[in-house]
Amino acid sequence: MARWTVFESLAGYRRQWLRPDILAGLTVWAVLVPEGLAYASIAGVPPVVGLYAAIPSLVLYALAGSSRHLVVGPMSATAALSAAIITPIAGADGGRYIALSAGLAIATGLLGLVAGAIRLGFVAAFISEPVLKGFIVGLALTIIIGQVPKLLGIDKTAGDFFDQLWGVLTGLGDLHWQTALVGFLSLAVVIGLKRWLPLVPGSLLAVLLGIAAVSVLGLDDRGVDIVGHIDAGLPSVGLPGGVAFGDYLDLLGPAAGVLLIGFAEGLGAAKTYAAKQGYQVDPNRELVGLGAADLGAGLASGMVVNGSLSKTAVNGSAGAKTQVSGLVVAGLTVLTLLFLTGLFEKLPEATLAGVVIAAVIELVDFPALRRLYRVWTVRLGGIYGKAARTDFTAAAAAMIGVLVFDTLPGLLIGIGISILLLVYRSSRPHIVPVVRSGTLWLDADRHPDLPRRPDLLVVRVESGLYFANADYVRDRVEQLCTDRTRLVVLDAETSPTIDVTAAMMLSDLRDSLGRRRIDFRIARYIGQFGDELGTAIPQDMAIAVFATVTDAVADLPETPASSDC
């Protein structure tokens, strides 16, 4: 088991990283504060609760997590899910509602710590890269369309991505031109500086310019929405009052859904930026980091948090090198609660929307989806064509699932498709005839120039043999046989495992071929394959086994070579 250390992302820290980390922290802070206020409102709690949650989550994730770039804090998806969970439980009791929201964060945190400790991070392996790519694209599009109404100064429509898109299109007639001007100028500042002056923190500059514009020109008096009043002061620390042990038990089931969404979004963002910077993230540490962050947020009178795709994008695009940027954000958020709440009261919502859109738009990776589609349309043939087809289908389904059914159902669709594709591919393994070239036995499809013996069929199954693919393997082998075939040899070197069902299938295949006067033999089995085969098949029904394929065919009389199979 790998040794885990605290603040792992700070190992080998270099002095020259301090400036970009501080600048990235300043930029993320400028986005996190107003976003935290907004997401707390989505969760149905006072806006300042979003800032309460951000401080401990940033510090504890930096301590326990494995990503150098992931920013943890309140997010729209988990905030909305929190509201859906707490509303029917708390009813109209506002105080209990706030306490249960913190209780949900604690329950989610405990589940994350347990899941990481027992190494359930392998669940991430069931989410294939195409599914994760589709999920990220769908989530990024959802975030963008959710920000467009604030960018244009129009009312936001509830519903899925397409409902919100239709709401934007039909609401253009009510566009508030001053708000739209501020929003598009903010968007242009961020994108333009990133392209032509990447050393200048465009997001931070856009925020400062937006605040200055409101202060100098009085834009808030002209209908431009601003963040508004923020309560000052630090939160109380401890278990939320009025939440009994039974309440925590009731919250464990819903907390699992919150954890799943947070883990998926956070892992997706973390892996995206880890790949860009050339390092690895540990899914088990991500569970521990997320669990610690949620637990800390709940104990600090906060709400559920998770790895933020949008803020991680801001962090990465601003040049962050390590989690020092997250610690800078936490420190600045403390200062904000104590002294600077008035600064963000004048921040235009349109500027915030422009910063978020500029950060997330680079994650709408349509070129990657196009590459998958092009691979699908190329005539590859065989299992390779099937793999390409299923990869694009998985990515598209995950993306559409998020756009149509929202984040949690979309993620579950993606996971379900990942598992189905795994089963499908393993149930249809690549079965290839092999031909002799000197002392080697090579893939016949890749070497069509090599002669084939019409009375001999040597096949490899490029997969373990088990109950789901046993019938397919038997049928395929029988289909490859012709009226002239006299010997079939299974080269088992590429089949490392076998179960009882598959072992009995091989015995049945031997008998079925025998009725066609075709001998059946096995060569080069390894490890568990041989152990299970010998245990599953009675001694009097044993299949002839040889050390090499050459040994297995040695007693077959020589016949003229043919190009026919």
Protein backbone atom coordinates (compact mmCIF):
# COMPACT_ATOMS: atom_id res chain seq x y z
CA MET A 1 0.00 0.00 0.00
CA ALA A 2 1.33 3.39 -0.97
CA ARG A 3 2.34 5.67 1.88
CA TRP A 4 0.13 8.73 2.19
CA THR A 5 1.55 12.02 3.39
CA VAL A 6 -0.18 15.29 4.22
CA PHE A 7 0.17 18.26 1.87
CA GLU A 8 1.57 15.89 -0.77
CA SER A 9 1.09 18.43 -3.56
CA LEU A 10 3.60 20.73 -1.84
CA ALA A 11 6.44 18.18 -1.94
CA GLY A 12 9.46 19.58 -3.74
CA TYR A 13 8.03 23.07 -3.75
CA ARG A 14 10.04 25.59 -5.76
CA ARG A 15 10.44 29.24 -4.88
CA GLN A 16 9.54 30.36 -8.42
CA TRP A 17 6.10 28.76 -8.05
CA LEU A 18 5.09 31.16 -5.30
CA ARG A 19 4.18 34.08 -7.57
CA PRO A 20 1.91 32.09 -9.94
CA ASP A 21 0.31 30.32 -6.97
CA ILE A 22 -0.45 33.64 -5.26
CA LEU A 23 -1.82 35.16 -8.46
CA ALA A 24 -3.95 32.08 -9.09
CA GLY A 25 -5.18 32.22 -5.49
CA LEU A 26 -6.16 35.86 -5.91
CA THR A 27 -8.02 35.04 -9.13
CA VAL A 28 -9.87 32.05 -7.68
CA TRP A 29 -10.73 34.06 -4.56
CA ALA A 30 -12.29 36.75 -6.74
CA VAL A 31 -14.51 34.07 -8.30
CA LEU A 32 -15.10 31.86 -5.27
CA VAL A 33 -16.53 34.53 -2.99
CA PRO A 34 -19.44 35.63 -5.20
CA GLU A 35 -19.99 32.06 -6.46
CA GLY A 36 -20.02 30.75 -2.90
CA LEU A 37 -22.68 33.31 -2.01
CA ALA A 38 -24.77 32.33 -5.04
CA TYR A 39 -24.48 28.56 -4.52
CA ALA A 40 -25.48 28.92 -0.87
CA SER A 41 -28.66 30.60 -2.06
CA ILE A 42 -29.27 27.64 -4.42
CA ALA A 43 -28.92 25.32 -1.41
CA GLY A 44 -31.54 27.38 0.45
CA VAL A 45 -29.22 28.63 3.20
CA PRO A 46 -27.97 32.18 3.93
CA PRO A 47 -25.40 33.31 1.33
CA VAL A 48 -22.60 33.62 3.86
CA VAL A 49 -22.82 29.86 4.53
CA GLY A 50 -21.06 29.34 1.20
CA LEU A 51 -18.02 31.20 2.50
CA TYR A 52 -18.15 29.32 5.79
CA ALA A 53 -17.90 26.07 3.85
CA ALA A 54 -15.08 27.23 1.58
CA ILE A 55 -12.43 27.95 4.21
CA PRO A 56 -12.07 24.52 5.90
CA SER A 57 -12.70 22.63 2.67
CA LEU A 58 -9.83 24.38 0.89
CA VAL A 59 -7.39 23.76 3.74
CA LEU A 60 -8.39 20.15 4.40
CA TYR A 61 -8.38 19.17 0.74
CA ALA A 62 -4.88 20.65 0.36
CA LEU A 63 -3.87 18.54 3.36
CA ALA A 64 -5.39 15.24 2.22
CA GLY A 65 -6.02 15.38 -1.56
CA SER A 66 -3.72 14.38 -4.42
CA SER A 67 -4.42 17.06 -7.06
CA ARG A 68 -2.22 20.13 -7.31
CA HIS A 69 -4.91 22.16 -9.07
CA LEU A 70 -8.35 21.07 -7.84
CA VAL A 71 -10.33 23.77 -6.04
CA VAL A 72 -12.91 22.51 -3.55
CA GLY A 73 -15.91 24.57 -2.54
CA PRO A 74 -19.67 24.98 -2.91
CA MET A 75 -20.96 23.98 -6.34
CA SER A 76 -24.27 24.36 -8.12
CA ALA A 77 -24.98 20.65 -8.68
CA THR A 78 -24.43 19.55 -5.08
CA ALA A 79 -26.08 22.74 -3.79
CA ALA A 80 -29.22 21.98 -5.76
CA LEU A 81 -29.13 18.35 -4.63
CA SER A 82 -28.71 19.50 -1.03
CA ALA A 83 -31.84 21.65 -1.31
CA ALA A 84 -33.79 18.74 -2.80
CA ILE A 85 -32.69 16.48 0.08
CA ILE A 86 -33.20 18.89 2.99
CA THR A 87 -36.45 20.63 1.96
CA PRO A 88 -38.82 17.67 2.59
CA ILE A 89 -37.07 16.86 5.88
CA ALA A 90 -36.86 20.34 7.40
CA GLY A 91 -40.13 21.74 6.06
CA ALA A 92 -40.66 25.39 6.97
CA ASP A 93 -38.25 25.36 9.95
CA GLY A 94 -35.46 27.66 8.77
CA GLY A 95 -33.12 26.95 11.67
CA ARG A 96 -33.46 23.20 11.26
CA TYR A 97 -32.94 23.60 7.51
CA ILE A 98 -29.56 25.28 8.05
CA ALA A 99 -28.54 22.70 10.65
CA LEU A 100 -29.52 19.75 8.43
CA SER A 101 -27.61 21.27 5.51
CA ALA A 102 -24.49 21.23 7.68
CA GLY A 103 -25.43 17.71 8.85
CA LEU A 104 -25.62 16.54 5.23
CA ALA A 105 -22.09 17.86 4.68
CA ILE A 106 -20.88 15.94 7.74
CA ALA A 107 -22.56 12.72 6.60
CA THR A 108 -21.08 13.14 3.12
CA GLY A 109 -17.65 13.77 4.61
CA LEU A 110 -17.76 10.67 6.79
CA LEU A 111 -18.80 8.52 3.83
CA GLY A 112 -15.94 9.95 1.77
CA LEU A 113 -13.38 9.21 4.48
CA VAL A 114 -14.63 5.64 4.89
CA ALA A 115 -14.76 5.09 1.11
CA GLY A 116 -11.21 6.35 0.73
CA ALA A 117 -9.92 4.36 3.70
CA ILE A 118 -11.30 1.08 2.31
CA ARG A 119 -9.99 2.08 -1.13
CA LEU A 120 -13.22 2.38 -3.05
CA GLY A 121 -11.52 4.71 -5.48
CA PHE A 122 -11.48 1.77 -7.92
CA VAL A 123 -15.09 2.74 -8.68
CA ALA A 124 -13.54 5.45 -10.84
CA ALA A 125 -12.13 2.70 -13.06
CA PHE A 126 -15.66 1.91 -14.18
CA ILE A 127 -15.95 5.41 -15.63
CA SER A 128 -14.04 5.16 -18.90
CA GLU A 129 -12.15 8.11 -20.34
CA PRO A 130 -14.75 8.64 -23.13
CA VAL A 131 -17.55 8.63 -20.54
CA LEU A 132 -15.61 11.03 -18.32
CA LYS A 133 -14.95 13.28 -21.32
CA GLY A 134 -18.63 13.30 -22.25
CA PHE A 135 -19.60 14.00 -18.64
CA ILE A 136 -17.21 16.95 -18.40
CA VAL A 137 -18.40 18.42 -21.70
CA GLY A 138 -22.04 18.09 -20.63
CA LEU A 139 -21.34 19.58 -17.20
CA ALA A 140 -19.36 22.47 -18.71
CA LEU A 141 -22.19 23.25 -21.14
CA THR A 142 -24.67 23.15 -18.27
CA ILE A 143 -22.55 25.58 -16.25
CA ILE A 144 -22.22 27.93 -19.23
CA ILE A 145 -25.94 28.02 -20.08
CA GLY A 146 -26.68 28.64 -16.40
CA GLN A 147 -24.43 31.72 -16.49
CA VAL A 148 -25.78 33.21 -19.75
CA PRO A 149 -28.91 34.81 -18.19
CA LYS A 150 -26.69 36.69 -15.72
CA LEU A 151 -24.43 37.70 -18.60
CA LEU A 152 -27.37 39.17 -20.53
CA GLY A 153 -29.50 40.48 -17.68
CA ILE A 154 -32.49 38.23 -18.45
CA ASP A 155 -34.53 35.89 -16.28
CA LYS A 156 -33.20 32.37 -15.86
CA THR A 157 -35.44 29.45 -16.86
CA ALA A 158 -35.57 26.33 -14.70
CA GLY A 159 -35.09 22.86 -16.16
CA ASP A 160 -32.44 20.95 -18.08
CA PHE A 161 -29.90 22.40 -20.50
CA PHE A 162 -32.34 22.56 -23.39
CA ASP A 163 -35.04 24.20 -21.28
CA GLN A 164 -32.54 26.83 -20.19
CA LEU A 165 -31.30 27.30 -23.76
CA TRP A 166 -34.85 27.85 -24.98
CA GLY A 167 -35.40 30.28 -22.11
CA VAL A 168 -32.33 32.26 -23.22
CA LEU A 169 -33.46 32.36 -26.85
CA THR A 170 -37.00 33.45 -26.00
CA GLY A 171 -35.76 35.96 -23.43
CA LEU A 172 -33.46 37.89 -25.75
CA GLY A 173 -36.17 40.46 -26.27
CA ASP A 174 -35.84 41.41 -22.59
CA LEU A 175 -32.06 41.77 -22.76
CA HIS A 176 -30.69 44.48 -20.46
CA TRP A 177 -28.09 46.19 -22.63
CA GLN A 178 -26.03 47.69 -19.80
CA THR A 179 -25.75 44.29 -18.14
CA ALA A 180 -24.92 42.58 -21.43
CA LEU A 181 -22.27 45.21 -22.17
CA VAL A 182 -20.61 44.66 -18.79
CA GLY A 183 -20.81 40.88 -19.24
CA PHE A 184 -19.38 40.75 -22.76
CA LEU A 185 -16.63 43.25 -21.94
CA SER A 186 -15.68 41.14 -18.90
CA LEU A 187 -15.67 38.01 -21.07
CA ALA A 188 -13.55 39.77 -23.70
CA VAL A 189 -11.04 40.95 -21.09
CA VAL A 190 -10.53 37.45 -19.72
CA ILE A 191 -10.31 35.69 -23.11
CA GLY A 192 -8.27 38.44 -24.75
CA LEU A 193 -5.67 38.65 -21.99
CA LYS A 194 -5.40 34.88 -21.85
CA ARG A 195 -4.63 34.77 -25.56
CA TRP A 196 -2.36 37.81 -26.00
CA LEU A 197 -1.08 38.60 -22.48
CA PRO A 198 -1.22 35.28 -20.60
CA LEU A 199 0.96 36.58 -17.75
CA VAL A 200 -1.75 39.09 -16.78
CA PRO A 201 -4.43 37.58 -14.48
CA GLY A 202 -7.40 38.41 -16.70
CA SER A 203 -10.10 37.07 -14.36
CA LEU A 204 -8.88 39.16 -11.44
CA LEU A 205 -8.56 42.24 -13.63
CA ALA A 206 -12.09 41.74 -14.97
CA VAL A 207 -13.47 41.50 -11.43
CA LEU A 208 -11.67 44.67 -10.31
CA LEU A 209 -12.80 46.55 -13.42
CA GLY A 210 -16.39 45.42 -12.87
CA ILE A 211 -16.39 46.60 -9.26
CA ALA A 212 -14.82 49.91 -10.31
CA ALA A 213 -17.39 50.42 -13.07
CA VAL A 214 -20.28 49.94 -10.65
CA SER A 215 -18.70 52.23 -8.06
CA VAL A 216 -17.85 55.03 -10.50
CA LEU A 217 -20.77 54.86 -12.95
CA GLY A 218 -23.49 53.77 -10.54
CA LEU A 219 -24.47 50.85 -12.76
CA ASP A 220 -26.42 49.23 -9.97
CA ASP A 221 -28.81 52.18 -10.08
CA ARG A 222 -29.28 51.52 -13.81
CA GLY A 223 -30.50 47.97 -13.35
CA VAL A 224 -27.20 46.05 -13.38
CA ASP A 225 -27.45 43.28 -10.77
CA ILE A 226 -24.71 43.13 -8.16
CA VAL A 227 -23.85 40.61 -5.46
CA GLY A 228 -25.27 42.75 -2.64
CA HIS A 229 -24.91 42.65 1.16
CA ILE A 230 -22.69 40.01 2.79
CA ASP A 231 -22.74 39.34 6.55
CA ALA A 232 -19.32 39.75 8.21
CA GLY A 233 -17.68 37.48 10.84
CA LEU A 234 -16.33 33.93 11.17
CA PRO A 235 -18.55 30.86 11.68
CA SER A 236 -19.01 28.85 14.84
CA VAL A 237 -17.30 25.45 14.87
CA GLY A 238 -18.86 22.19 16.07
CA LEU A 239 -21.73 19.83 15.40
CA PRO A 240 -24.86 21.62 14.21
CA GLY A 241 -27.42 22.02 16.95
CA GLY A 242 -30.72 20.19 16.71
CA VAL A 243 -29.44 17.37 14.49
CA ALA A 244 -29.91 14.02 16.23
CA PHE A 245 -28.05 10.77 15.58
CA GLY A 246 -31.09 9.42 13.77
CA ASP A 247 -30.99 12.41 11.42
CA TYR A 248 -27.45 11.53 10.41
CA LEU A 249 -28.53 7.95 9.71
CA ASP A 250 -31.38 9.23 7.52
CA LEU A 251 -28.96 11.45 5.64
CA LEU A 252 -26.44 8.70 4.84
CA GLY A 253 -28.34 7.42 1.80
CA PRO A 254 -28.78 10.84 0.17
CA ALA A 255 -25.21 11.70 1.17
CA ALA A 256 -23.98 8.81 -1.00
CA GLY A 257 -25.53 10.50 -4.05
CA VAL A 258 -23.94 13.83 -3.11
CA LEU A 259 -20.57 12.10 -2.67
CA LEU A 260 -20.87 10.37 -6.04
CA ILE A 261 -21.53 13.64 -7.88
CA GLY A 262 -18.78 15.47 -6.01
CA PHE A 263 -16.30 12.65 -6.59
CA ALA A 264 -17.08 12.41 -10.30
CA GLU A 265 -16.87 16.14 -11.00
CA GLY A 266 -13.81 16.61 -8.81
CA LEU A 267 -12.01 13.60 -10.23
CA GLY A 268 -12.82 14.70 -13.77
CA ALA A 269 -11.44 18.18 -13.16
CA ALA A 270 -8.43 16.83 -11.26
CA LYS A 271 -7.53 14.31 -14.00
CA THR A 272 -7.97 16.94 -16.71
CA TYR A 273 -5.39 19.27 -15.20
CA ALA A 274 -3.13 16.44 -14.01
CA ALA A 275 -2.91 15.24 -17.62
CA LYS A 276 -2.04 18.75 -18.79
CA GLN A 277 0.73 19.10 -16.21
CA GLY A 278 2.06 15.53 -16.37
CA TYR A 279 1.29 14.06 -12.95
CA GLN A 280 -1.13 11.48 -11.53
CA VAL A 281 -4.05 11.76 -9.12
CA ASP A 282 -5.00 8.97 -6.71
CA PRO A 283 -8.76 8.23 -6.67
CA ASN A 284 -8.57 6.93 -3.09
CA ARG A 285 -6.85 10.08 -1.91
CA GLU A 286 -9.44 12.10 -3.79
CA LEU A 287 -12.17 10.38 -1.77
CA VAL A 288 -10.29 11.10 1.46
CA GLY A 289 -9.65 14.69 0.42
CA LEU A 290 -13.29 15.25 -0.52
CA GLY A 291 -14.45 13.56 2.68
CA ALA A 292 -12.20 15.73 4.83
CA ALA A 293 -13.36 18.85 2.97
CA ASP A 294 -17.06 18.05 3.46
CA LEU A 295 -16.56 17.09 7.09
CA GLY A 296 -14.74 20.35 7.76
CA ALA A 297 -17.39 22.35 5.93
CA GLY A 298 -20.17 20.78 7.98
CA LEU A 299 -18.38 21.33 11.28
CA ALA A 300 -17.86 25.01 10.33
CA SER A 301 -21.60 25.66 9.89
CA GLY A 302 -21.22 25.27 6.12
CA MET A 303 -22.80 23.17 3.38
CA VAL A 304 -21.79 20.35 1.06
CA VAL A 305 -18.77 21.00 -1.13
CA ASN A 306 -17.03 19.22 -3.97
CA GLY A 307 -14.27 19.64 -6.49
CA SER A 308 -15.26 22.53 -8.71
CA LEU A 309 -14.86 22.19 -12.45
CA SER A 310 -15.25 25.93 -13.07
CA LYS A 311 -12.97 27.16 -10.28
CA THR A 312 -10.35 24.53 -11.10
CA ALA A 313 -10.43 25.85 -14.65
CA VAL A 314 -9.89 29.37 -13.32
CA ASN A 315 -7.07 28.09 -11.10
CA GLY A 316 -5.34 26.24 -13.91
CA SER A 317 -5.72 29.02 -16.46
CA ALA A 318 -4.33 31.51 -13.94
CA GLY A 319 -1.11 29.48 -13.69
CA ALA A 320 -1.44 27.63 -10.37
CA LYS A 321 1.34 25.13 -9.64
CA THR A 322 0.28 23.58 -6.31
CA GLN A 323 -2.34 23.69 -3.56
CA VAL A 324 -0.64 26.81 -2.20
CA SER A 325 -3.14 28.61 -4.41
CA GLY A 326 -5.97 26.94 -2.48
CA LEU A 327 -4.42 27.94 0.85
CA VAL A 328 -4.15 31.52 -0.43
CA VAL A 329 -7.85 31.40 -1.35
CA ALA A 330 -8.71 30.13 2.16
CA GLY A 331 -6.70 32.90 3.80
CA LEU A 332 -8.24 35.58 1.59
CA THR A 333 -11.72 34.23 2.32
CA VAL A 334 -11.04 34.59 6.05
CA LEU A 335 -9.99 38.19 5.44
CA THR A 336 -13.10 38.67 3.32
CA LEU A 337 -15.39 37.54 6.14
CA LEU A 338 -13.57 39.78 8.61
CA PHE A 339 -12.88 42.93 6.63
CA LEU A 340 -13.74 42.81 2.92
CA THR A 341 -17.36 41.83 2.60
CA GLY A 342 -18.15 45.33 1.36
CA LEU A 343 -15.74 44.97 -1.58
CA PHE A 344 -17.78 42.27 -3.29
CA GLU A 345 -21.11 43.96 -2.70
CA LYS A 346 -20.48 46.02 -5.85
CA LEU A 347 -19.38 43.10 -8.06
CA PRO A 348 -21.68 42.84 -11.13
CA GLU A 349 -23.27 39.43 -11.60
CA ALA A 350 -22.55 39.79 -15.32
CA THR A 351 -18.81 40.10 -14.65
CA LEU A 352 -18.90 36.98 -12.53
CA ALA A 353 -20.75 35.15 -15.30
CA GLY A 354 -18.15 36.26 -17.85
CA VAL A 355 -15.27 35.00 -15.70
CA VAL A 356 -16.93 31.62 -15.16
CA ILE A 357 -17.80 31.17 -18.85
CA ALA A 358 -14.28 32.10 -19.96
CA ALA A 359 -12.82 29.54 -17.57
CA VAL A 360 -15.18 26.69 -18.44
CA ILE A 361 -15.36 27.13 -22.19
CA GLU A 362 -11.95 25.51 -22.69
CA LEU A 363 -13.35 22.32 -21.15
CA VAL A 364 -16.02 22.03 -23.86
CA ASP A 365 -13.76 19.66 -25.77
CA PHE A 366 -15.76 19.01 -28.92
CA PRO A 367 -12.56 18.21 -30.87
CA ALA A 368 -12.06 15.17 -28.63
CA LEU A 369 -15.61 14.01 -29.37
CA ARG A 370 -15.03 14.59 -33.08
CA ARG A 371 -11.90 12.45 -32.92
CA LEU A 372 -13.89 9.63 -31.37
CA TYR A 373 -16.54 10.02 -34.07
CA ARG A 374 -13.95 9.99 -36.85
CA VAL A 375 -12.45 6.79 -35.44
CA TRP A 376 -15.96 5.31 -35.45
CA THR A 377 -16.50 6.18 -39.12
CA VAL A 378 -13.13 4.83 -40.28
CA ARG A 379 -13.34 1.28 -41.61
CA LEU A 380 -11.24 -0.45 -38.96
CA GLY A 381 -13.11 -3.73 -38.87
CA GLY A 382 -13.23 -6.43 -36.20
CA ILE A 383 -13.04 -5.65 -32.53
CA TYR A 384 -11.22 -2.35 -33.17
CA GLY A 385 -14.18 -0.92 -35.04
CA LYS A 386 -16.50 -2.10 -32.27
CA ALA A 387 -14.33 -0.48 -29.58
CA ALA A 388 -14.28 2.85 -31.43
CA ARG A 389 -18.04 2.70 -31.93
CA THR A 390 -18.74 2.00 -28.26
CA ASP A 391 -16.30 4.70 -27.08
CA PHE A 392 -18.08 7.43 -29.04
CA THR A 393 -21.50 6.10 -28.01
CA ALA A 394 -20.46 6.16 -24.34
CA ALA A 395 -19.12 9.71 -24.54
CA ALA A 396 -22.20 11.00 -26.35
CA ALA A 397 -24.59 9.24 -23.97
CA ALA A 398 -22.84 10.65 -20.89
CA MET A 399 -22.90 14.17 -22.32
CA ILE A 400 -26.56 13.98 -23.35
CA GLY A 401 -27.45 12.38 -20.02
CA VAL A 402 -26.09 15.40 -18.16
CA LEU A 403 -27.73 17.86 -20.55
CA VAL A 404 -31.17 16.21 -20.44
CA PHE A 405 -31.42 14.52 -17.05
CA ASP A 406 -29.15 16.73 -14.91
CA THR A 407 -25.89 15.90 -13.20
CA LEU A 408 -26.66 12.89 -10.97
CA PRO A 409 -28.82 10.98 -13.49
CA GLY A 410 -26.34 11.85 -16.24
CA LEU A 411 -23.47 10.50 -14.17
CA LEU A 412 -25.38 7.32 -13.36
CA ILE A 413 -26.11 6.88 -17.08
CA GLY A 414 -22.40 7.26 -17.79
CA ILE A 415 -21.42 4.74 -15.11
CA GLY A 416 -24.09 2.31 -16.26
CA ILE A 417 -22.90 2.58 -19.84
CA SER A 418 -19.29 2.07 -18.74
CA ILE A 419 -20.24 -1.16 -17.01
CA LEU A 420 -22.43 -2.33 -19.89
CA LEU A 421 -19.66 -1.64 -22.38
CA LEU A 422 -17.19 -3.49 -20.18
CA VAL A 423 -19.47 -6.52 -20.10
CA TYR A 424 -20.25 -6.22 -23.81
CA ARG A 425 -16.63 -6.06 -24.86
CA SER A 426 -15.58 -8.93 -22.63
CA SER A 427 -18.54 -10.99 -23.87
CA ARG A 428 -17.40 -10.45 -27.48
CA PRO A 429 -13.63 -10.98 -27.25
CA HIS A 430 -11.34 -10.78 -30.24
CA ILE A 431 -10.88 -14.32 -31.55
CA VAL A 432 -8.14 -14.51 -34.14
CA PRO A 433 -6.81 -17.42 -36.22
CA VAL A 434 -3.00 -17.68 -36.12
CA VAL A 435 -0.62 -19.10 -38.72
CA ARG A 436 2.91 -20.41 -38.54
CA SER A 437 5.95 -18.40 -39.55
CA GLY A 438 9.05 -20.39 -38.69
CA THR A 439 8.95 -20.91 -34.93
CA LEU A 440 6.34 -18.17 -34.40
CA TRP A 441 2.54 -18.25 -34.59
CA LEU A 442 1.22 -14.92 -35.86
CA ASP A 443 -2.18 -13.22 -36.28
CA ALA A 444 -3.49 -14.45 -39.63
CA ASP A 445 -5.49 -11.27 -40.26
CA ARG A 446 -2.37 -9.13 -39.88
CA HIS A 447 -0.25 -11.44 -42.03
CA PRO A 448 -2.43 -12.40 -45.01
CA ASP A 449 0.69 -13.30 -47.00
CA LEU A 450 1.45 -16.32 -44.80
CA PRO A 451 0.05 -19.65 -46.05
CA ARG A 452 -2.71 -21.41 -44.09
CA ARG A 453 -3.30 -25.11 -43.75
CA PRO A 454 -6.90 -26.01 -44.63
CA ASP A 455 -6.93 -28.92 -42.16
CA LEU A 456 -5.62 -26.87 -39.18
CA LEU A 457 -7.21 -24.06 -37.17
CA VAL A 458 -5.17 -22.45 -34.40
CA VAL A 459 -7.01 -19.67 -32.54
CA ARG A 460 -6.30 -17.20 -29.79
CA VAL A 461 -8.96 -15.62 -27.58
CA GLU A 462 -7.63 -12.24 -26.48
CA SER A 463 -9.51 -12.26 -23.19
CA GLY A 464 -10.09 -14.31 -20.10
CA LEU A 465 -12.77 -16.97 -20.56
CA TYR A 466 -15.81 -16.77 -18.30
CA PHE A 467 -19.56 -17.29 -18.27
CA ALA A 468 -20.43 -14.13 -20.24
CA ASN A 469 -18.29 -14.96 -23.27
CA ALA A 470 -18.23 -18.77 -23.18
CA ASP A 471 -21.06 -19.30 -25.68
CA TYR A 472 -19.68 -16.65 -28.04
CA VAL A 473 -16.23 -18.26 -28.04
CA ARG A 474 -17.65 -21.71 -28.74
CA ASP A 475 -19.87 -20.48 -31.57
CA ARG A 476 -17.06 -18.44 -33.14
CA VAL A 477 -14.60 -21.33 -33.08
CA GLU A 478 -17.15 -23.64 -34.67
CA GLN A 479 -17.86 -21.01 -37.36
CA LEU A 480 -14.15 -20.79 -38.21
CA CYS A 481 -13.99 -24.50 -38.83
CA THR A 482 -14.58 -25.79 -42.38
CA ASP A 483 -15.34 -29.20 -43.86
CA ARG A 484 -11.59 -29.70 -44.34
CA THR A 485 -10.61 -28.86 -40.73
CA ARG A 486 -9.17 -31.84 -38.83
CA LEU A 487 -7.52 -30.19 -35.83
CA VAL A 488 -8.37 -27.15 -33.71
CA VAL A 489 -5.81 -25.82 -31.24
CA LEU A 490 -6.65 -23.15 -28.67
CA ASP A 491 -3.53 -21.09 -27.99
CA ALA A 492 -4.38 -20.13 -24.40
CA GLU A 493 -1.43 -17.81 -23.80
CA THR A 494 -3.68 -14.75 -24.29
CA SER A 495 -6.40 -16.12 -21.98
CA PRO A 496 -4.97 -15.71 -18.46
CA THR A 497 -8.15 -16.72 -16.59
CA ILE A 498 -11.04 -19.11 -16.92
CA ASP A 499 -14.08 -19.94 -14.78
CA VAL A 500 -16.05 -23.18 -14.34
CA THR A 501 -18.64 -22.26 -16.99
CA ALA A 502 -15.96 -21.62 -19.61
CA ALA A 503 -14.07 -24.79 -18.66
CA MET A 504 -17.18 -26.88 -19.21
CA MET A 505 -17.74 -25.02 -22.48
CA LEU A 506 -14.32 -26.16 -23.71
CA SER A 507 -15.24 -29.74 -22.81
CA ASP A 508 -18.52 -29.39 -24.73
CA LEU A 509 -16.64 -27.81 -27.65
CA ARG A 510 -14.26 -30.78 -27.72
CA ASP A 511 -17.25 -33.15 -27.89
CA SER A 512 -19.05 -31.03 -30.52
CA LEU A 513 -15.98 -30.90 -32.74
CA GLY A 514 -15.40 -34.58 -32.19
CA ARG A 515 -18.76 -35.35 -33.75
CA ARG A 516 -17.48 -33.53 -36.84
CA ARG A 517 -14.31 -35.65 -36.70
CA ILE A 518 -12.24 -32.67 -35.60
CA ASP A 519 -9.72 -33.06 -32.81
CA PHE A 520 -9.49 -30.29 -30.17
CA ARG A 521 -6.40 -29.46 -28.13
CA ILE A 522 -5.12 -26.69 -25.84
CA ALA A 523 -1.62 -25.23 -25.89
CA ARG A 524 0.37 -22.83 -23.71
CA TYR A 525 -2.10 -22.34 -20.87
CA ILE A 526 -0.73 -20.37 -17.93
CA GLY A 527 -1.43 -19.89 -14.24
CA GLN A 528 -5.04 -19.91 -13.10
CA PHE A 529 -6.26 -21.14 -16.49
CA GLY A 530 -4.63 -24.53 -16.01
CA ASP A 531 -5.61 -24.80 -12.34
CA GLU A 532 -9.28 -24.10 -12.98
CA LEU A 533 -9.38 -26.29 -16.09
CA GLY A 534 -7.98 -29.26 -14.21
CA THR A 535 -10.39 -28.76 -11.30
CA ALA A 536 -13.56 -28.17 -13.32
CA ILE A 537 -13.24 -31.03 -15.81
CA PRO A 538 -13.23 -34.65 -14.53
CA GLN A 539 -10.11 -36.66 -15.28
CA ASP A 540 -11.90 -38.99 -17.69
CA MET A 541 -13.08 -35.95 -19.72
CA ALA A 542 -9.75 -34.11 -19.76
CA ILE A 543 -8.75 -32.16 -22.85
CA ALA A 544 -5.35 -32.83 -24.42
CA VAL A 545 -2.91 -30.11 -23.32
CA PHE A 546 0.48 -29.27 -24.86
CA ALA A 547 3.33 -27.02 -23.83
CA THR A 548 3.51 -25.25 -27.21
CA VAL A 549 1.36 -24.89 -30.29
CA THR A 550 4.11 -26.56 -32.33
CA ASP A 551 3.91 -29.62 -30.06
CA ALA A 552 0.11 -29.65 -30.37
CA VAL A 553 0.24 -29.89 -34.18
CA ALA A 554 3.34 -32.08 -34.46
CA ASP A 555 1.43 -35.31 -35.25
CA LEU A 556 -0.81 -33.71 -37.90
CA PRO A 557 0.21 -35.10 -41.31
CA GLU A 558 1.66 -32.52 -43.69
CA THR A 559 -0.71 -31.32 -46.42
CA PRO A 560 -0.26 -28.77 -49.18
CA ALA A 561 -0.60 -25.17 -47.97
CA SER A 562 -3.65 -23.18 -49.00
CA SER A 563 -4.78 -19.58 -48.86
CA ASP A 564 -8.19 -20.74 -47.67
CA CYS A 565 -9.04 -20.88 -44.00
